[in-house]
Amino acid sequence: MRYDAGARNAVNALASLATPTRREGTRADGVLLAPAGETGGAGHDGPVDAVRCGPVLRLPLAGLPSCPVHLRVLTAQQTRCWLLSATLSGFTPADRLTDGTLRVLPDAVARDTSLATQYMLDLTGTVHWNEAVLLGVPEFDGDQLHVLVAFTDRYGKEPHTATRSEPPCG
């Protein structure tokens, strides 16, 4: 299936963000916005403003097979990055979410994927960066974690250096 690699990357990103607080009743639900083109960039077929509905994927959370992850896939013509909006139930933030080793993009660029992609291009020298980045600070509500994560096709394929939260844009 065309979305397998991106969905696995999304699930790996989720697994790195949270730690389960209980054995039963943990789950993750979200929407995965994927580039409409094959790997490596925006699509070239169809209207530029098209957002198409894809399948609902059911996967186990990496390292926690009893935790189901349900992702509704949508594809968009004009995007180069994968965008994941998810809620994890029965979790607390993982250490790397609170210790500054995961890149949290500044609010000024996190609200628009074209700005986020340009920001990452400026930082890394490529539009196909190899890390999952948070678009804004995750929200916590009891044992629920709400996140918005962006990554590219390169995520998970090569190591990246330690990251950190970026200061707000001036």
Foldseek 3Di string as FASTA:
>chain_A
DQCVLVVLLVLQVVLQWWDAQDLPDKEKEKEKEAAPPRADAFADDDDQADKAWDDWDWAARVPRRNYIYTYTYIYGRHDQKMKIKMKIARIDTDPCLPVFQAEEEAQVQLVDRVSVLVVVCVVPVDSQDAAKHWSHRWDDDPRMIITMIIHGSNHPVDDDDGGGYDDHDD
